[in-house]
Amino acid sequence: MPSIARSTKATEYRRLYSTARWRQLRLAKLAQDPLCEWCIEREVIEPATEVHHADGGHKGDVTKFWFGPFISTCKPCHASRGQREDNGQQVITFSADGWPI
């Protein structure tokens, strides 16, 4: 069960996702990179619908929340690879020819 302090901190930064500033930032990133950057690594063309906080997520760091780095992803990539990266797990990716990247 998560600690109360963690829940409070999570509540504080999760609120940032509902701000107009985040919505504008998200739309700008998706306009700049409209395809899933992780699918492109595998030579798959998939529209991006999510904006992921790269390098292991922001972990409550407000500066990193607003300034990134960011990656445009599709929902399946964000839900799988993005979560693994955020949790500090090693992610092994493969190119279209099946070799590790």
PDB file of N, CA and C in Angstrom:
ATOM      1  N   MET A   1       0.854  -1.181   0.000  1.00  0.00           N
ATOM      2  CA  MET A   1       0.000   0.000   0.000  1.00  0.00           C
ATOM      3  C   MET A   1       0.901   1.247   0.000  1.00  0.00           C
ATOM      4  N   PRO A   2       0.634   2.206  -0.933  1.00  0.00           N
ATOM      5  CA  PRO A   2       1.496   3.386  -1.006  1.00  0.00           C
ATOM      6  C   PRO A   2       1.360   4.256   0.236  1.00  0.00           C
ATOM      7  N   SER A   3       2.447   4.940   0.552  1.00  0.00           N
ATOM      8  CA  SER A   3       2.424   5.813   1.718  1.00  0.00           C
ATOM      9  C   SER A   3       1.574   7.050   1.435  1.00  0.00           C
ATOM     10  N   ILE A   4       1.120   7.689   2.494  1.00  0.00           N
ATOM     11  CA  ILE A   4       0.307   8.890   2.356  1.00  0.00           C
ATOM     12  C   ILE A   4       1.113   9.996   1.682  1.00  0.00           C
ATOM     13  N   ALA A   5       2.402  10.121   2.041  1.00  0.00           N
ATOM     14  CA  ALA A   5       3.258  11.150   1.443  1.00  0.00           C
ATOM     15  C   ALA A   5       3.352  10.960  -0.062  1.00  0.00           C
ATOM     16  N   ARG A   6       3.500   9.726  -0.495  1.00  0.00           N
ATOM     17  CA  ARG A   6       3.579   9.463  -1.928  1.00  0.00           C
ATOM     18  C   ARG A   6       2.262   9.803  -2.602  1.00  0.00           C
ATOM     19  N   SER A   7       1.168   9.452  -1.995  1.00  0.00           N
ATOM     20  CA  SER A   7      -0.141   9.749  -2.559  1.00  0.00           C
ATOM     21  C   SER A   7      -0.362  11.251  -2.668  1.00  0.00           C
ATOM     22  N   THR A   8       0.063  11.991  -1.661  1.00  0.00           N
ATOM     23  CA  THR A   8      -0.082  13.443  -1.683  1.00  0.00           C
ATOM     24  C   THR A   8       0.753  14.040  -2.802  1.00  0.00           C
ATOM     25  N   LYS A   9       1.992  13.571  -2.926  1.00  0.00           N
ATOM     26  CA  LYS A   9       2.877  14.066  -3.982  1.00  0.00           C
ATOM     27  C   LYS A   9       2.302  13.720  -5.362  1.00  0.00           C
ATOM     28  N   ALA A  10       1.822  12.508  -5.517  1.00  0.00           N
ATOM     29  CA  ALA A  10       1.230  12.095  -6.794  1.00  0.00           C
ATOM     30  C   ALA A  10       0.022  12.943  -7.124  1.00  0.00           C
ATOM     31  N   THR A  11      -0.800  13.237  -6.146  1.00  0.00           N
ATOM     32  CA  THR A  11      -1.975  14.078  -6.364  1.00  0.00           C
ATOM     33  C   THR A  11      -1.558  15.465  -6.834  1.00  0.00           C
ATOM     34  N   GLU A  12      -0.488  15.997  -6.252  1.00  0.00           N
ATOM     35  CA  GLU A  12      -0.017  17.327  -6.625  1.00  0.00           C
ATOM     36  C   GLU A  12       0.415  17.384  -8.091  1.00  0.00           C
ATOM     37  N   TYR A  13       1.229  16.414  -8.544  1.00  0.00           N
ATOM     38  CA  TYR A  13       1.691  16.509  -9.933  1.00  0.00           C
ATOM     39  C   TYR A  13       0.664  15.998 -10.927  1.00  0.00           C
ATOM     40  N   ARG A  14      -0.191  15.073 -10.533  1.00  0.00           N
ATOM     41  CA  ARG A  14      -1.224  14.592 -11.457  1.00  0.00           C
ATOM     42  C   ARG A  14      -2.182  15.715 -11.852  1.00  0.00           C
ATOM     43  N   ARG A  15      -2.355  16.659 -10.963  1.00  0.00           N
ATOM     44  CA  ARG A  15      -3.199  17.815 -11.253  1.00  0.00           C
ATOM     45  C   ARG A  15      -2.658  18.620 -12.446  1.00  0.00           C
ATOM     46  N   LEU A  16      -1.342  18.580 -12.641  1.00  0.00           N
ATOM     47  CA  LEU A  16      -0.723  19.332 -13.735  1.00  0.00           C
ATOM     48  C   LEU A  16      -1.204  18.845 -15.103  1.00  0.00           C
ATOM     49  N   TYR A  17      -1.569  17.565 -15.205  1.00  0.00           N
ATOM     50  CA  TYR A  17      -2.037  17.025 -16.479  1.00  0.00           C
ATOM     51  C   TYR A  17      -3.367  17.628 -16.937  1.00  0.00           C
ATOM     52  N   SER A  18      -4.121  18.222 -16.037  1.00  0.00           N
ATOM     53  CA  SER A  18      -5.413  18.795 -16.413  1.00  0.00           C
ATOM     54  C   SER A  18      -5.342  20.296 -16.697  1.00  0.00           C
ATOM     55  N   THR A  19      -4.131  20.850 -16.701  1.00  0.00           N
ATOM     56  CA  THR A  19      -3.991  22.283 -16.932  1.00  0.00           C
ATOM     57  C   THR A  19      -3.973  22.611 -18.423  1.00  0.00           C
ATOM     58  N   ALA A  20      -4.371  23.841 -18.741  1.00  0.00           N
ATOM     59  CA  ALA A  20      -4.324  24.315 -20.127  1.00  0.00           C
ATOM     60  C   ALA A  20      -2.890  24.305 -20.639  1.00  0.00           C
ATOM     61  N   ARG A  21      -1.938  24.614 -19.773  1.00  0.00           N
ATOM     62  CA  ARG A  21      -0.532  24.628 -20.178  1.00  0.00           C
ATOM     63  C   ARG A  21      -0.089  23.252 -20.664  1.00  0.00           C
ATOM     64  N   TRP A  22      -0.451  22.184 -19.922  1.00  0.00           N
ATOM     65  CA  TRP A  22      -0.084  20.831 -20.351  1.00  0.00           C
ATOM     66  C   TRP A  22      -0.781  20.481 -21.660  1.00  0.00           C
ATOM     67  N   ARG A  23      -2.052  20.796 -21.784  1.00  0.00           N
ATOM     68  CA  ARG A  23      -2.780  20.485 -23.023  1.00  0.00           C
ATOM     69  C   ARG A  23      -2.116  21.149 -24.225  1.00  0.00           C
ATOM     70  N   GLN A  24      -1.684  22.399 -24.067  1.00  0.00           N
ATOM     71  CA  GLN A  24      -0.999  23.105 -25.156  1.00  0.00           C
ATOM     72  C   GLN A  24       0.356  22.468 -25.458  1.00  0.00           C
ATOM     73  N   LEU A  25       1.103  22.139 -24.430  1.00  0.00           N
ATOM     74  CA  LEU A  25       2.408  21.510 -24.609  1.00  0.00           C
ATOM     75  C   LEU A  25       2.249  20.170 -25.318  1.00  0.00           C
ATOM     76  N   ARG A  26       1.277  19.393 -24.883  1.00  0.00           N
ATOM     77  CA  ARG A  26       1.005  18.079 -25.461  1.00  0.00           C
ATOM     78  C   ARG A  26       0.662  18.202 -26.941  1.00  0.00           C
ATOM     79  N   LEU A  27      -0.252  19.114 -27.270  1.00  0.00           N
ATOM     80  CA  LEU A  27      -0.645  19.305 -28.663  1.00  0.00           C
ATOM     81  C   LEU A  27       0.523  19.773 -29.518  1.00  0.00           C
ATOM     82  N   ALA A  28       1.374  20.635 -28.969  1.00  0.00           N
ATOM     83  CA  ALA A  28       2.550  21.116 -29.715  1.00  0.00           C
ATOM     84  C   ALA A  28       3.511  19.960 -29.998  1.00  0.00           C
ATOM     85  N   LYS A  29       3.739  19.088 -29.003  1.00  0.00           N
ATOM     86  CA  LYS A  29       4.639  17.947 -29.199  1.00  0.00           C
ATOM     87  C   LYS A  29       4.070  16.988 -30.232  1.00  0.00           C
ATOM     88  N   LEU A  30       2.769  16.713 -30.161  1.00  0.00           N
ATOM     89  CA  LEU A  30       2.155  15.802 -31.127  1.00  0.00           C
ATOM     90  C   LEU A  30       2.144  16.393 -32.536  1.00  0.00           C
ATOM     91  N   ALA A  31       2.038  17.721 -32.645  1.00  0.00           N
ATOM     92  CA  ALA A  31       2.112  18.369 -33.960  1.00  0.00           C
ATOM     93  C   ALA A  31       3.536  18.298 -34.510  1.00  0.00           C
ATOM     94  N   GLN A  32       4.520  18.435 -33.638  1.00  0.00           N
ATOM     95  CA  GLN A  32       5.932  18.379 -34.040  1.00  0.00           C
ATOM     96  C   GLN A  32       6.320  16.960 -34.457  1.00  0.00           C
ATOM     97  N   ASP A  33       5.870  15.968 -33.687  1.00  0.00           N
ATOM     98  CA  ASP A  33       6.197  14.558 -33.939  1.00  0.00           C
ATOM     99  C   ASP A  33       4.904  13.750 -33.919  1.00  0.00           C
ATOM    100  N   PRO A  34       4.169  13.727 -35.039  1.00  0.00           N
ATOM    101  CA  PRO A  34       2.842  13.104 -35.049  1.00  0.00           C
ATOM    102  C   PRO A  34       2.839  11.577 -35.093  1.00  0.00           C
ATOM    103  N   LEU A  35       4.003  10.963 -35.269  1.00  0.00           N
ATOM    104  CA  LEU A  35       4.069   9.503 -35.303  1.00  0.00           C
ATOM    105  C   LEU A  35       4.759   8.987 -34.048  1.00  0.00           C
ATOM    106  N   CYS A  36       4.382   7.791 -33.633  1.00  0.00           N
ATOM    107  CA  CYS A  36       4.981   7.175 -32.449  1.00  0.00           C
ATOM    108  C   CYS A  36       6.474   6.978 -32.706  1.00  0.00           C
ATOM    109  N   GLU A  37       7.275   7.612 -31.878  1.00  0.00           N
ATOM    110  CA  GLU A  37       8.721   7.557 -32.058  1.00  0.00           C
ATOM    111  C   GLU A  37       9.277   6.166 -31.775  1.00  0.00           C
ATOM    112  N   TRP A  38       8.625   5.415 -30.915  1.00  0.00           N
ATOM    113  CA  TRP A  38       9.088   4.058 -30.615  1.00  0.00           C
ATOM    114  C   TRP A  38       8.679   3.086 -31.714  1.00  0.00           C
ATOM    115  N   CYS A  39       7.521   3.280 -32.318  1.00  0.00           N
ATOM    116  CA  CYS A  39       7.130   2.433 -33.450  1.00  0.00           C
ATOM    117  C   CYS A  39       8.052   2.684 -34.640  1.00  0.00           C
ATOM    118  N   ILE A  40       8.429   3.931 -34.856  1.00  0.00           N
ATOM    119  CA  ILE A  40       9.325   4.266 -35.966  1.00  0.00           C
ATOM    120  C   ILE A  40      10.641   3.505 -35.847  1.00  0.00           C
ATOM    121  N   GLU A  41      11.121   3.305 -34.618  1.00  0.00           N
ATOM    122  CA  GLU A  41      12.350   2.523 -34.419  1.00  0.00           C
ATOM    123  C   GLU A  41      12.225   1.139 -35.034  1.00  0.00           C
ATOM    124  N   ARG A  42      11.002   0.592 -35.050  1.00  0.00           N
ATOM    125  CA  ARG A  42      10.745  -0.747 -35.592  1.00  0.00           C
ATOM    126  C   ARG A  42      10.227  -0.677 -37.030  1.00  0.00           C
ATOM    127  N   GLU A  43      10.303   0.515 -37.619  1.00  0.00           N
ATOM    128  CA  GLU A  43       9.822   0.768 -38.979  1.00  0.00           C
ATOM    129  C   GLU A  43       8.320   0.506 -39.106  1.00  0.00           C
ATOM    130  N   VAL A  44       7.593   0.845 -38.055  1.00  0.00           N
ATOM    131  CA  VAL A  44       6.137   0.758 -38.030  1.00  0.00           C
ATOM    132  C   VAL A  44       5.605   2.179 -37.994  1.00  0.00           C
ATOM    133  N   ILE A  45       4.626   2.464 -38.832  1.00  0.00           N
ATOM    134  CA  ILE A  45       4.023   3.791 -38.868  1.00  0.00           C
ATOM    135  C   ILE A  45       2.732   3.749 -38.060  1.00  0.00           C
ATOM    136  N   GLU A  46       2.722   4.470 -36.954  1.00  0.00           N
ATOM    137  CA  GLU A  46       1.556   4.512 -36.059  1.00  0.00           C
ATOM    138  C   GLU A  46       1.399   5.946 -35.553  1.00  0.00           C
ATOM    139  N   PRO A  47       0.197   6.503 -35.624  1.00  0.00           N
ATOM    140  CA  PRO A  47      -0.002   7.864 -35.102  1.00  0.00           C
ATOM    141  C   PRO A  47       0.266   7.925 -33.594  1.00  0.00           C
ATOM    142  N   ALA A  48       0.878   9.000 -33.177  1.00  0.00           N
ATOM    143  CA  ALA A  48       1.108   9.230 -31.749  1.00  0.00           C
ATOM    144  C   ALA A  48      -0.136   9.869 -31.144  1.00  0.00           C
ATOM    145  N   THR A  49      -0.509   9.398 -29.978  1.00  0.00           N
ATOM    146  CA  THR A  49      -1.665   9.940 -29.268  1.00  0.00           C
ATOM    147  C   THR A  49      -1.320  10.351 -27.844  1.00  0.00           C
ATOM    148  N   GLU A  50      -0.107   9.997 -27.406  1.00  0.00           N
ATOM    149  CA  GLU A  50       0.323  10.254 -26.035  1.00  0.00           C
ATOM    150  C   GLU A  50       1.655  11.005 -26.053  1.00  0.00           C
ATOM    151  N   VAL A  51       1.920  11.739 -24.986  1.00  0.00           N
ATOM    152  CA  VAL A  51       3.228  12.368 -24.817  1.00  0.00           C
ATOM    153  C   VAL A  51       3.824  11.810 -23.536  1.00  0.00           C
ATOM    154  N   HIS A  52       4.973  11.168 -23.692  1.00  0.00           N
ATOM    155  CA  HIS A  52       5.648  10.487 -22.592  1.00  0.00           C
ATOM    156  C   HIS A  52       6.791  11.340 -22.062  1.00  0.00           C
ATOM    157  N   HIS A  53       6.921  11.410 -20.752  1.00  0.00           N
ATOM    158  CA  HIS A  53       8.079  12.055 -20.135  1.00  0.00           C
ATOM    159  C   HIS A  53       9.237  11.063 -20.219  1.00  0.00           C
ATOM    160  N   ALA A  54      10.225  11.378 -21.044  1.00  0.00           N
ATOM    161  CA  ALA A  54      11.341  10.466 -21.293  1.00  0.00           C
ATOM    162  C   ALA A  54      12.303  10.413 -20.111  1.00  0.00           C
ATOM    163  N   ASP A  55      13.315   9.592 -20.242  1.00  0.00           N
ATOM    164  CA  ASP A  55      14.369   9.431 -19.239  1.00  0.00           C
ATOM    165  C   ASP A  55      13.827   9.035 -17.871  1.00  0.00           C
ATOM    166  N   GLY A  56      12.898   8.094 -17.859  1.00  0.00           N
ATOM    167  CA  GLY A  56      12.392   7.584 -16.591  1.00  0.00           C
ATOM    168  C   GLY A  56      11.286   8.400 -15.957  1.00  0.00           C
ATOM    169  N   GLY A  57      10.672   9.292 -16.708  1.00  0.00           N
ATOM    170  CA  GLY A  57       9.567  10.090 -16.185  1.00  0.00           C
ATOM    171  C   GLY A  57      10.047  11.269 -15.360  1.00  0.00           C
ATOM    172  N   HIS A  58       9.110  12.069 -14.929  1.00  0.00           N
ATOM    173  CA  HIS A  58       9.476  13.270 -14.167  1.00  0.00           C
ATOM    174  C   HIS A  58       9.580  13.000 -12.678  1.00  0.00           C
ATOM    175  N   LYS A  59       8.921  11.940 -12.201  1.00  0.00           N
ATOM    176  CA  LYS A  59       8.977  11.540 -10.783  1.00  0.00           C
ATOM    177  C   LYS A  59       8.681  12.703  -9.834  1.00  0.00           C
ATOM    178  N   GLY A  60       7.755  13.562 -10.221  1.00  0.00           N
ATOM    179  CA  GLY A  60       7.356  14.673  -9.373  1.00  0.00           C
ATOM    180  C   GLY A  60       8.206  15.925  -9.531  1.00  0.00           C
ATOM    181  N   ASP A  61       9.231  15.871 -10.371  1.00  0.00           N
ATOM    182  CA  ASP A  61      10.079  17.038 -10.629  1.00  0.00           C
ATOM    183  C   ASP A  61       9.312  17.980 -11.567  1.00  0.00           C
ATOM    184  N   VAL A  62       8.858  19.110 -11.039  1.00  0.00           N
ATOM    185  CA  VAL A  62       8.012  20.031 -11.798  1.00  0.00           C
ATOM    186  C   VAL A  62       8.752  20.605 -13.003  1.00  0.00           C
ATOM    187  N   THR A  63      10.041  20.888 -12.851  1.00  0.00           N
ATOM    188  CA  THR A  63      10.808  21.405 -13.985  1.00  0.00           C
ATOM    189  C   THR A  63      10.849  20.385 -15.115  1.00  0.00           C
ATOM    190  N   LYS A  64      11.119  19.130 -14.781  1.00  0.00           N
ATOM    191  CA  LYS A  64      11.149  18.080 -15.802  1.00  0.00           C
ATOM    192  C   LYS A  64       9.742  17.839 -16.363  1.00  0.00           C
ATOM    193  N   PHE A  65       8.722  18.007 -15.526  1.00  0.00           N
ATOM    194  CA  PHE A  65       7.358  17.842 -16.009  1.00  0.00           C
ATOM    195  C   PHE A  65       7.092  18.806 -17.162  1.00  0.00           C
ATOM    196  N   TRP A  66       7.489  20.065 -17.007  1.00  0.00           N
ATOM    197  CA  TRP A  66       7.194  21.082 -18.016  1.00  0.00           C
ATOM    198  C   TRP A  66       8.184  21.131 -19.171  1.00  0.00           C
ATOM    199  N   PHE A  67       9.430  20.765 -18.929  1.00  0.00           N
ATOM    200  CA  PHE A  67      10.449  20.981 -19.950  1.00  0.00           C
ATOM    201  C   PHE A  67      11.026  19.699 -20.554  1.00  0.00           C
ATOM    202  N   GLY A  68      10.570  18.558 -20.062  1.00  0.00           N
ATOM    203  CA  GLY A  68      10.945  17.300 -20.688  1.00  0.00           C
ATOM    204  C   GLY A  68      12.305  16.785 -20.308  1.00  0.00           C
ATOM    205  N   PRO A  69      12.783  15.898 -21.148  1.00  0.00           N
ATOM    206  CA  PRO A  69      12.440  15.622 -22.538  1.00  0.00           C
ATOM    207  C   PRO A  69      11.155  14.809 -22.674  1.00  0.00           C
ATOM    208  N   PHE A  70      10.543  14.930 -23.868  1.00  0.00           N
ATOM    209  CA  PHE A  70       9.290  14.268 -24.183  1.00  0.00           C
ATOM    210  C   PHE A  70       9.443  13.368 -25.400  1.00  0.00           C
ATOM    211  N   ILE A  71       8.585  12.358 -25.482  1.00  0.00           N
ATOM    212  CA  ILE A  71       8.532  11.455 -26.632  1.00  0.00           C
ATOM    213  C   ILE A  71       7.071  11.306 -27.035  1.00  0.00           C
ATOM    214  N   SER A  72       6.790  11.433 -28.327  1.00  0.00           N
ATOM    215  CA  SER A  72       5.447  11.163 -28.839  1.00  0.00           C
ATOM    216  C   SER A  72       5.304   9.655 -28.998  1.00  0.00           C
ATOM    217  N   THR A  73       4.228   9.093 -28.436  1.00  0.00           N
ATOM    218  CA  THR A  73       4.018   7.647 -28.505  1.00  0.00           C
ATOM    219  C   THR A  73       2.562   7.320 -28.830  1.00  0.00           C
ATOM    220  N   CYS A  74       2.357   6.093 -29.278  1.00  0.00           N
ATOM    221  CA  CYS A  74       0.993   5.581 -29.404  1.00  0.00           C
ATOM    222  C   CYS A  74       0.587   5.065 -28.018  1.00  0.00           C
ATOM    223  N   LYS A  75      -0.682   4.833 -27.822  1.00  0.00           N
ATOM    224  CA  LYS A  75      -1.164   4.380 -26.507  1.00  0.00           C
ATOM    225  C   LYS A  75      -0.543   3.044 -26.082  1.00  0.00           C
ATOM    226  N   PRO A  76      -0.478   2.026 -26.980  1.00  0.00           N
ATOM    227  CA  PRO A  76       0.129   0.753 -26.541  1.00  0.00           C
ATOM    228  C   PRO A  76       1.596   0.892 -26.114  1.00  0.00           C
ATOM    229  N   CYS A  77       2.384   1.672 -26.840  1.00  0.00           N
ATOM    230  CA  CYS A  77       3.786   1.857 -26.454  1.00  0.00           C
ATOM    231  C   CYS A  77       3.888   2.596 -25.120  1.00  0.00           C
ATOM    232  N   HIS A  78       3.065   3.612 -24.951  1.00  0.00           N
ATOM    233  CA  HIS A  78       3.108   4.382 -23.706  1.00  0.00           C
ATOM    234  C   HIS A  78       2.731   3.509 -22.519  1.00  0.00           C
ATOM    235  N   ALA A  79       1.734   2.647 -22.714  1.00  0.00           N
ATOM    236  CA  ALA A  79       1.262   1.796 -21.622  1.00  0.00           C
ATOM    237  C   ALA A  79       2.244   0.676 -21.293  1.00  0.00           C
ATOM    238  N   SER A  80       3.053   0.245 -22.261  1.00  0.00           N
ATOM    239  CA  SER A  80       3.970  -0.861 -21.983  1.00  0.00           C
ATOM    240  C   SER A  80       5.396  -0.356 -21.783  1.00  0.00           C
ATOM    241  N   ARG A  81       6.044   0.071 -22.832  1.00  0.00           N
ATOM    242  CA  ARG A  81       7.442   0.500 -22.721  1.00  0.00           C
ATOM    243  C   ARG A  81       7.582   1.720 -21.806  1.00  0.00           C
ATOM    244  N   GLY A  82       6.669   2.652 -21.922  1.00  0.00           N
ATOM    245  CA  GLY A  82       6.730   3.853 -21.088  1.00  0.00           C
ATOM    246  C   GLY A  82       6.667   3.532 -19.608  1.00  0.00           C
ATOM    247  N   GLN A  83       5.781   2.626 -19.232  1.00  0.00           N
ATOM    248  CA  GLN A  83       5.648   2.250 -17.824  1.00  0.00           C
ATOM    249  C   GLN A  83       6.890   1.512 -17.334  1.00  0.00           C
ATOM    250  N   ARG A  84       7.431   0.642 -18.188  1.00  0.00           N
ATOM    251  CA  ARG A  84       8.649  -0.087 -17.786  1.00  0.00           C
ATOM    252  C   ARG A  84       9.804   0.885 -17.560  1.00  0.00           C
ATOM    253  N   GLU A  85       9.949   1.852 -18.471  1.00  0.00           N
ATOM    254  CA  GLU A  85      11.020   2.837 -18.312  1.00  0.00           C
ATOM    255  C   GLU A  85      10.823   3.658 -17.041  1.00  0.00           C
ATOM    256  N   ASP A  86       9.582   4.091 -16.801  1.00  0.00           N
ATOM    257  CA  ASP A  86       9.294   4.893 -15.608  1.00  0.00           C
ATOM    258  C   ASP A  86       9.604   4.128 -14.325  1.00  0.00           C
ATOM    259  N   ASN A  87       9.452   2.814 -14.361  1.00  0.00           N
ATOM    260  CA  ASN A  87       9.717   1.985 -13.186  1.00  0.00           C
ATOM    261  C   ASN A  87      11.168   1.537 -13.096  1.00  0.00           C
ATOM    262  N   GLY A  88      12.024   2.064 -13.982  1.00  0.00           N
ATOM    263  CA  GLY A  88      13.442   1.761 -13.933  1.00  0.00           C
ATOM    264  C   GLY A  88      13.821   0.400 -14.478  1.00  0.00           C
ATOM    265  N   GLN A  89      12.913  -0.244 -15.182  1.00  0.00           N
ATOM    266  CA  GLN A  89      13.219  -1.550 -15.759  1.00  0.00           C
ATOM    267  C   GLN A  89      13.959  -1.376 -17.081  1.00  0.00           C
ATOM    268  N   GLN A  90      14.861  -2.302 -17.362  1.00  0.00           N
ATOM    269  CA  GLN A  90      15.595  -2.256 -18.620  1.00  0.00           C
ATOM    270  C   GLN A  90      14.647  -2.618 -19.756  1.00  0.00           C
ATOM    271  N   VAL A  91      14.684  -1.834 -20.815  1.00  0.00           N
ATOM    272  CA  VAL A  91      13.844  -2.083 -21.978  1.00  0.00           C
ATOM    273  C   VAL A  91      14.755  -2.445 -23.137  1.00  0.00           C
ATOM    274  N   ILE A  92      14.569  -3.633 -23.670  1.00  0.00           N
ATOM    275  CA  ILE A  92      15.335  -4.056 -24.840  1.00  0.00           C
ATOM    276  C   ILE A  92      14.418  -3.893 -26.036  1.00  0.00           C
ATOM    277  N   THR A  93      14.876  -3.102 -27.007  1.00  0.00           N
ATOM    278  CA  THR A  93      14.066  -2.863 -28.196  1.00  0.00           C
ATOM    279  C   THR A  93      14.698  -3.568 -29.382  1.00  0.00           C
ATOM    280  N   PHE A  94      13.883  -3.835 -30.386  1.00  0.00           N
ATOM    281  CA  PHE A  94      14.307  -4.552 -31.567  1.00  0.00           C
ATOM    282  C   PHE A  94      13.961  -3.763 -32.818  1.00  0.00           C
ATOM    283  N   SER A  95      14.843  -3.822 -33.795  1.00  0.00           N
ATOM    284  CA  SER A  95      14.583  -3.138 -35.059  1.00  0.00           C
ATOM    285  C   SER A  95      13.640  -4.004 -35.894  1.00  0.00           C
ATOM    286  N   ALA A  96      13.254  -3.496 -37.057  1.00  0.00           N
ATOM    287  CA  ALA A  96      12.336  -4.227 -37.929  1.00  0.00           C
ATOM    288  C   ALA A  96      12.902  -5.570 -38.378  1.00  0.00           C
ATOM    289  N   ASP A  97      14.242  -5.692 -38.420  1.00  0.00           N
ATOM    290  CA  ASP A  97      14.842  -6.951 -38.843  1.00  0.00           C
ATOM    291  C   ASP A  97      15.008  -7.943 -37.700  1.00  0.00           C
ATOM    292  N   GLY A  98      14.540  -7.570 -36.497  1.00  0.00           N
ATOM    293  CA  GLY A  98      14.563  -8.478 -35.359  1.00  0.00           C
ATOM    294  C   GLY A  98      15.799  -8.415 -34.490  1.00  0.00           C
ATOM    295  N   TRP A  99      16.761  -7.555 -34.841  1.00  0.00           N
ATOM    296  CA  TRP A  99      17.971  -7.432 -34.053  1.00  0.00           C
ATOM    297  C   TRP A  99      17.775  -6.388 -32.951  1.00  0.00           C
ATOM    298  N   PRO A 100      18.369  -6.608 -31.788  1.00  0.00           N
ATOM    299  CA  PRO A 100      18.251  -5.615 -30.702  1.00  0.00           C
ATOM    300  C   PRO A 100      18.856  -4.283 -31.118  1.00  0.00           C
ATOM    301  N   ILE A 101      18.238  -3.236 -30.650  1.00  0.00           N
ATOM    302  CA  ILE A 101      18.733  -1.879 -30.922  1.00  0.00           C
ATOM    303  C   ILE A 101      19.612  -1.463 -29.762  1.00  0.00           C
TER     304      ILE A 101
END
